[in-house]
C-alpha atoms as a PDB file:
ATOM      1  CA  MET A   1      -4.812  19.527   5.463  1.00  0.00           C
ATOM      2  CA  TYR A   2      -7.005  16.433   6.301  1.00  0.00           C
ATOM      3  CA  TRP A   3      -5.451  14.277   3.505  1.00  0.00           C
ATOM      4  CA  SER A   4      -1.835  14.978   4.640  1.00  0.00           C
ATOM      5  CA  SER A   5      -2.586  14.260   8.317  1.00  0.00           C
ATOM      6  CA  ARG A   6      -4.238  11.022   7.364  1.00  0.00           C
ATOM      7  CA  THR A   7      -1.591   9.554   5.345  1.00  0.00           C
ATOM      8  CA  ALA A   8       1.253  10.677   7.590  1.00  0.00           C
ATOM      9  CA  GLY A   9       3.529  11.352   4.812  1.00  0.00           C
ATOM     10  CA  ALA A  10       3.000   8.133   2.805  1.00  0.00           C
ATOM     11  CA  GLY A  11       3.610   9.738  -0.532  1.00  0.00           C
ATOM     12  CA  LEU A  12       2.265   8.987  -3.961  1.00  0.00           C
ATOM     13  CA  LEU A  13       2.169   5.152  -3.330  1.00  0.00           C
ATOM     14  CA  GLY A  14       0.321   5.615  -0.088  1.00  0.00           C
ATOM     15  CA  ALA A  15      -2.219   7.981  -1.627  1.00  0.00           C
ATOM     16  CA  ALA A  16      -2.840   5.425  -4.493  1.00  0.00           C
ATOM     17  CA  ALA A  17      -3.114   2.601  -2.071  1.00  0.00           C
ATOM     18  CA  TYR A  18      -5.462   4.614   0.117  1.00  0.00           C
ATOM     19  CA  VAL A  19      -7.808   5.348  -3.023  1.00  0.00           C
ATOM     20  CA  LEU A  20      -7.609   1.855  -4.303  1.00  0.00           C
ATOM     21  CA  ALA A  21      -8.421   0.353  -0.870  1.00  0.00           C
ATOM     22  CA  ILE A  22     -11.762   2.361  -0.964  1.00  0.00           C
ATOM     23  CA  VAL A  23     -12.350   1.302  -4.636  1.00  0.00           C
ATOM     24  CA  SER A  24     -11.696  -2.197  -3.644  1.00  0.00           C
ATOM     25  CA  TRP A  25     -14.007  -2.055  -0.809  1.00  0.00           C
ATOM     26  CA  PHE A  26     -16.915  -0.977  -3.063  1.00  0.00           C
ATOM     27  CA  THR A  27     -16.140  -3.565  -5.684  1.00  0.00           C
ATOM     28  CA  ILE A  28     -16.136  -6.244  -3.132  1.00  0.00           C
ATOM     29  CA  LEU A  29     -19.447  -4.987  -1.832  1.00  0.00           C
ATOM     30  CA  VAL A  30     -21.099  -4.965  -5.161  1.00  0.00           C
ATOM     31  CA  THR A  31     -19.493  -7.856  -7.106  1.00  0.00           C
ATOM     32  CA  GLY A  32     -18.405 -10.039  -4.112  1.00  0.00           C
ATOM     33  CA  GLU A  33     -14.900 -10.493  -5.468  1.00  0.00           C
ATOM     34  CA  HIS A  34     -11.546  -8.764  -5.108  1.00  0.00           C
ATOM     35  CA  TYR A  35      -9.731  -7.654  -8.312  1.00  0.00           C
ATOM     36  CA  ARG A  36      -6.285  -9.069  -8.652  1.00  0.00           C
ATOM     37  CA  THR A  37      -4.658  -6.024  -9.894  1.00  0.00           C
ATOM     38  CA  ILE A  38      -5.922  -3.934  -7.034  1.00  0.00           C
ATOM     39  CA  ARG A  39      -5.191  -6.514  -4.504  1.00  0.00           C
ATOM     40  CA  GLY A  40      -1.676  -6.950  -5.849  1.00  0.00           C
ATOM     41  CA  PHE A  41      -0.914  -3.215  -5.743  1.00  0.00           C
ATOM     42  CA  CYS A  42      -2.364  -2.966  -2.121  1.00  0.00           C
ATOM     43  CA  LEU A  43      -0.166  -5.987  -1.089  1.00  0.00           C
ATOM     44  CA  PHE A  44       2.862  -4.695  -2.705  1.00  0.00           C
ATOM     45  CA  TYR A  45       2.444  -1.361  -0.759  1.00  0.00           C
ATOM     46  CA  LEU A  46       1.854  -2.985   2.442  1.00  0.00           C
ATOM     47  CA  ARG A  47       4.931  -5.148   2.164  1.00  0.00           C
ATOM     48  CA  TRP A  48       7.015  -2.270   0.983  1.00  0.00           C
ATOM     49  CA  ARG A  49       5.559  -0.064   3.910  1.00  0.00           C
ATOM     50  CA  THR A  50       6.629  -2.644   6.395  1.00  0.00           C
ATOM     51  CA  ARG A  51      10.019  -3.563   4.845  1.00  0.00           C
ATOM     52  CA  ALA A  52      11.314  -0.016   4.384  1.00  0.00           C
ATOM     53  CA  PRO A  53      11.094   1.096   8.042  1.00  0.00           C
ATOM     54  CA  ALA A  54      12.507  -2.298   9.093  1.00  0.00           C
ATOM     55  CA  TYR A  55      15.435  -1.612   6.999  1.00  0.00           C
ATOM     56  CA  MET A  56      15.748   1.872   8.243  1.00  0.00           C
ATOM     57  CA  SER A  57      15.700   0.720  11.806  1.00  0.00           C
ATOM     58  CA  LEU A  58      18.414  -1.840  11.024  1.00  0.00           C
ATOM     59  CA  LEU A  59      16.331  -4.848  11.659  1.00  0.00           C
ATOM     60  CA  VAL A  60      17.074  -6.487   8.299  1.00  0.00           C
ATOM     61  CA  ASP A  61      20.083  -6.296   6.017  1.00  0.00           C
ATOM     62  CA  ALA A  62      18.566  -6.541   2.602  1.00  0.00           C
ATOM     63  CA  TYR A  63      17.180  -3.327   1.074  1.00  0.00           C
ATOM     64  CA  PRO A  64      13.282  -3.663   0.254  1.00  0.00           C
ATOM     65  CA  PRO A  65      12.686  -4.285  -3.393  1.00  0.00           C
ATOM     66  CA  CYS A  66      10.994  -1.453  -5.238  1.00  0.00           C
ATOM     67  CA  ALA A  67       9.600  -3.518  -8.255  1.00  0.00           C
ATOM     68  CA  LEU A  68       6.033  -4.082  -8.802  1.00  0.00           C
ATOM     69  CA  ASP A  69       6.292  -7.780  -9.127  1.00  0.00           C
END
């Protein structure tokens, strides 16, 4: 119950980004650096999470890319 109310229906990508954000926080705390792969995935998710509602709200014409590039 708590998990679904926290993510607000973010789905599998949102759950993965949530877990990786916590892992990233601990790795930064311990090592002092941010891993590129975790950072890249979190940035991908945040960009996609911003673009998808903008597309659905008819604020932009281009559909948001779904590739992990």
